[in-house]
Amino acid sequence: MPHCRVGFVSLVTLAALLLPNALAADSRVISVKAEVYALASAVNLFIIDHGRFPADLRELVEPPEGTIRPYVARLPLDPWGAPYEYSLERPKGCDVELDFYVWSNGSDRQPGGEGCAKDFGNWSRGGNCPRKPWWKF
């Protein structure tokens, strides 16, 4: 019976070490999706109120005179610590035509990329990261 307890404790310890990495990767993808869509929604509200596109994302925090309140309280950083990108021109790797683009360059902080390093923007569908088994993180 003592050997079973040692094996169980070893499994629990191993899971405790590996599982947070798997959950962290998933939470980053969920976070980047939510923040990109929130920023894109704020840009849309800005366009409705002012009849033009914001010059940059800072205008969402510091809107023009006559605006009752900011569109966002602060500009978040993406889950990898980089600022979100905004452009009226289509970014590299995007094959969708939109009026404007808001995106994160992913974990590599470079345009393009694959897997978790792939860019995620308001044109993206689905997840960035291929699902890996929890023991491969």
Protein backbone atom coordinates (compact mmCIF):
# COMPACT_ATOMS: atom_id res chain seq x y z
CA MET A 1 0.00 0.00 0.00
CA PRO A 2 2.80 2.57 0.70
CA HIS A 3 4.04 2.19 -2.91
CA CYS A 4 0.62 3.22 -4.25
CA ARG A 5 0.71 6.41 -2.19
CA VAL A 6 4.19 7.26 -3.46
CA GLY A 7 3.04 6.72 -7.06
CA PHE A 8 -0.07 8.83 -6.53
CA VAL A 9 1.91 11.63 -4.89
CA SER A 10 4.39 11.51 -7.78
CA LEU A 11 1.57 11.82 -10.32
CA VAL A 12 -0.05 14.70 -8.47
CA THR A 13 3.31 16.47 -8.21
CA LEU A 14 3.99 15.96 -11.92
CA ALA A 15 0.52 17.28 -12.84
CA ALA A 16 1.01 20.29 -10.57
CA LEU A 17 4.24 21.13 -12.39
CA LEU A 18 2.98 20.65 -15.95
CA LEU A 19 -0.67 21.65 -15.88
CA PRO A 20 -0.13 25.39 -15.16
CA ASN A 21 1.91 25.72 -18.38
CA ALA A 22 -0.93 24.26 -20.41
CA LEU A 23 -3.50 26.48 -18.73
CA ALA A 24 -1.31 29.57 -19.13
CA ALA A 25 -1.03 29.07 -22.90
CA ASP A 26 -4.80 28.70 -23.20
CA SER A 27 -5.43 31.75 -21.00
CA ARG A 28 -3.12 33.88 -23.16
CA VAL A 29 -5.08 32.96 -26.28
CA ILE A 30 -8.39 33.69 -24.56
CA SER A 31 -7.04 36.99 -23.23
CA VAL A 32 -5.69 38.18 -26.60
CA LYS A 33 -9.01 37.36 -28.30
CA ALA A 34 -11.02 39.28 -25.70
CA GLU A 35 -8.73 42.32 -25.77
CA VAL A 36 -8.54 42.51 -29.58
CA TYR A 37 -12.32 42.39 -29.89
CA ALA A 38 -12.78 44.92 -27.06
CA LEU A 39 -10.36 47.34 -28.75
CA ALA A 40 -12.05 46.80 -32.14
CA SER A 41 -15.44 47.54 -30.54
CA ALA A 42 -14.04 50.72 -29.01
CA VAL A 43 -12.71 51.78 -32.43
CA ASN A 44 -16.18 51.19 -33.92
CA LEU A 45 -17.78 53.36 -31.21
CA PHE A 46 -15.21 56.08 -31.88
CA ILE A 47 -16.07 55.98 -35.60
CA ILE A 48 -19.80 56.25 -34.85
CA ASP A 49 -19.28 59.21 -32.50
CA HIS A 50 -16.73 61.16 -34.56
CA GLY A 51 -17.33 60.09 -38.16
CA ARG A 52 -13.68 59.20 -38.65
CA PHE A 53 -11.14 56.59 -37.67
CA PRO A 54 -8.91 57.25 -34.65
CA ALA A 55 -5.38 58.26 -35.65
CA ASP A 56 -4.03 55.62 -33.25
CA LEU A 57 -5.24 53.58 -30.28
CA ARG A 58 -4.23 56.33 -27.83
CA GLU A 59 -7.23 58.32 -29.05
CA LEU A 60 -9.44 55.70 -27.39
CA VAL A 61 -7.95 56.67 -24.02
CA GLU A 62 -7.62 60.40 -24.73
CA PRO A 63 -10.55 61.15 -27.07
CA PRO A 64 -11.15 64.51 -28.79
CA GLU A 65 -12.79 67.45 -27.01
CA GLY A 66 -16.50 67.04 -26.44
CA THR A 67 -16.32 63.31 -25.79
CA ILE A 68 -18.02 62.46 -22.51
CA ARG A 69 -15.56 59.74 -21.47
CA PRO A 70 -12.72 57.64 -22.89
CA TYR A 71 -13.62 54.58 -24.95
CA VAL A 72 -11.23 52.44 -22.90
CA ALA A 73 -9.78 53.21 -19.47
CA ARG A 74 -6.25 52.22 -20.52
CA LEU A 75 -4.53 50.52 -23.43
CA PRO A 76 -3.70 46.97 -22.42
CA LEU A 77 -0.55 45.15 -23.40
CA ASP A 78 -0.99 41.80 -25.08
CA PRO A 79 -0.34 38.67 -22.98
CA TRP A 80 3.31 38.72 -24.11
CA GLY A 81 3.88 42.30 -22.90
CA ALA A 82 3.73 44.11 -26.26
CA PRO A 83 1.31 46.87 -27.27
CA TYR A 84 -1.56 46.01 -29.59
CA GLU A 85 -1.20 47.14 -33.20
CA TYR A 86 -3.73 49.25 -35.14
CA SER A 87 -3.77 50.18 -38.80
CA LEU A 88 -6.09 51.11 -41.63
CA GLU A 89 -3.87 49.07 -43.96
CA ARG A 90 -3.97 45.30 -44.08
CA PRO A 91 -1.17 43.73 -41.99
CA LYS A 92 1.12 40.99 -43.25
CA GLY A 93 -0.53 37.60 -43.12
CA CYS A 94 -4.10 38.93 -43.17
CA ASP A 95 -6.22 37.86 -46.13
CA VAL A 96 -9.42 39.64 -45.07
CA GLU A 97 -10.46 43.10 -46.25
CA LEU A 98 -11.68 45.27 -43.33
CA ASP A 99 -12.04 48.99 -42.64
CA PHE A 100 -9.39 48.79 -39.90
CA TYR A 101 -7.23 46.19 -38.17
CA VAL A 102 -6.39 45.62 -34.48
CA TRP A 103 -4.00 42.79 -33.66
CA SER A 104 -1.30 41.24 -31.50
CA ASN A 105 1.87 39.94 -33.12
CA GLY A 106 1.75 36.87 -30.88
CA SER A 107 4.39 35.36 -28.67
CA ASP A 108 7.28 36.11 -31.05
CA ARG A 109 6.28 39.82 -31.27
CA GLN A 110 6.97 39.71 -35.03
CA PRO A 111 4.49 39.94 -37.92
CA GLY A 112 3.36 36.54 -39.19
CA GLY A 113 4.40 33.45 -37.29
CA GLU A 114 2.95 30.00 -36.72
CA GLY A 115 1.18 28.30 -33.82
CA CYS A 116 1.22 30.46 -30.67
CA ALA A 117 3.50 32.94 -32.43
CA LYS A 118 0.85 33.54 -35.10
CA ASP A 119 -0.71 37.01 -35.15
CA PHE A 120 -4.25 37.31 -33.81
CA GLY A 121 -6.44 40.17 -35.00
CA ASN A 122 -10.01 41.30 -35.43
CA TRP A 123 -10.01 39.31 -38.69
CA SER A 124 -9.04 36.00 -37.03
CA ARG A 125 -11.32 33.07 -36.50
CA GLY A 126 -10.71 30.29 -34.05
CA GLY A 127 -7.66 29.76 -31.88
CA ASN A 128 -4.06 30.64 -32.52
CA CYS A 129 -2.34 27.81 -30.74
CA PRO A 130 -2.71 24.22 -31.83
CA ARG A 131 -3.88 22.25 -28.85
CA LYS A 132 -0.99 20.31 -27.36
CA PRO A 133 -1.32 17.54 -24.83
CA TRP A 134 -0.66 18.97 -21.36
CA TRP A 135 2.46 16.85 -20.95
CA LYS A 136 4.20 18.44 -23.98
CA PHE A 137 4.34 22.02 -22.66
